[in-house]
Protein backbone atom coordinates (compact mmCIF):
# COMPACT_ATOMS: atom_id res chain seq x y z
CA MET A 1 31.44 48.72 102.59
CA THR A 2 28.94 50.80 104.46
CA LYS A 3 30.10 54.27 105.35
CA ALA A 4 29.32 55.77 108.73
CA LYS A 5 28.17 58.97 107.05
CA ASP A 6 25.46 57.05 105.17
CA LEU A 7 24.32 55.26 108.31
CA ARG A 8 24.11 58.46 110.32
CA SER A 9 21.76 59.96 107.76
CA LYS A 10 19.26 57.12 108.31
CA ASP A 11 16.79 56.91 111.15
CA ALA A 12 16.99 54.18 113.83
CA ALA A 13 14.64 51.85 111.95
CA GLY A 14 16.72 52.19 108.80
CA VAL A 15 19.91 51.37 110.67
CA GLU A 16 18.23 48.34 112.26
CA ALA A 17 17.21 47.12 108.81
CA GLU A 18 20.78 47.61 107.62
CA VAL A 19 22.10 45.55 110.57
CA LYS A 20 19.69 42.71 109.75
CA SER A 21 20.64 42.68 106.09
CA LEU A 22 24.34 42.70 106.95
CA GLN A 23 23.83 39.80 109.37
CA LYS A 24 22.04 37.80 106.67
CA ALA A 25 24.84 38.53 104.23
CA HIS A 26 27.43 37.49 106.82
CA PHE A 27 25.57 34.23 107.46
CA GLY A 28 25.55 33.50 103.73
CA LEU A 29 29.27 34.15 103.52
CA ARG A 30 29.91 31.82 106.47
CA MET A 31 27.93 29.08 104.74
CA GLN A 32 29.92 29.61 101.55
CA LYS A 33 33.14 29.33 103.54
CA ALA A 34 31.96 26.12 105.18
CA THR A 35 31.19 24.56 101.81
CA GLN A 36 34.48 25.74 100.26
CA GLN A 37 32.69 28.09 97.83
CA LEU A 38 34.00 31.39 99.18
CA ASN A 39 36.86 32.80 97.11
CA ASN A 40 37.58 36.03 98.99
CA THR A 41 37.63 35.39 102.74
CA ALA A 42 38.35 39.07 103.41
CA THR A 43 34.65 39.76 102.82
CA LEU A 44 33.90 38.00 106.12
CA ARG A 45 36.03 40.52 107.97
CA SER A 46 34.58 43.52 106.18
CA THR A 47 30.96 42.46 106.78
CA ARG A 48 31.73 41.80 110.44
CA ARG A 49 33.16 45.30 110.75
CA ASP A 50 30.21 46.82 108.89
CA ILE A 51 27.86 45.12 111.37
CA ALA A 52 29.86 46.52 114.29
CA ARG A 53 29.85 50.00 112.72
CA ALA A 54 26.07 49.90 112.20
CA LYS A 55 25.42 48.61 115.73
CA THR A 56 27.58 51.37 117.20
CA ILE A 57 25.68 54.06 115.32
CA LEU A 58 22.38 52.45 116.31
CA ALA A 59 23.39 52.53 119.98
CA GLN A 60 24.37 56.18 119.63
CA LYS A 61 21.01 57.02 118.05
CA ARG A 62 19.13 55.20 120.82
CA ALA A 63 21.13 56.99 123.53
CA GLU A 64 20.52 60.30 121.82
CA SER A 65 16.77 59.72 121.66
CA ALA A 66 16.69 58.64 125.33
CA LYS A 67 17.89 62.08 126.44
């Protein structure tokens, strides 16, 4: 689980990299679910929420830099 505090300490490029890595991880989990290899389906929900958290912080950073 990615904490918002950790994401806020990164710059915009770091947060973008985090979003991409989370999306890749989420894709892998979806493929595992499709092939009946995923044991803990709750990880799908947590990665989806981590992606949303990172995107929200990224949007805040971009709006802050646009000022």
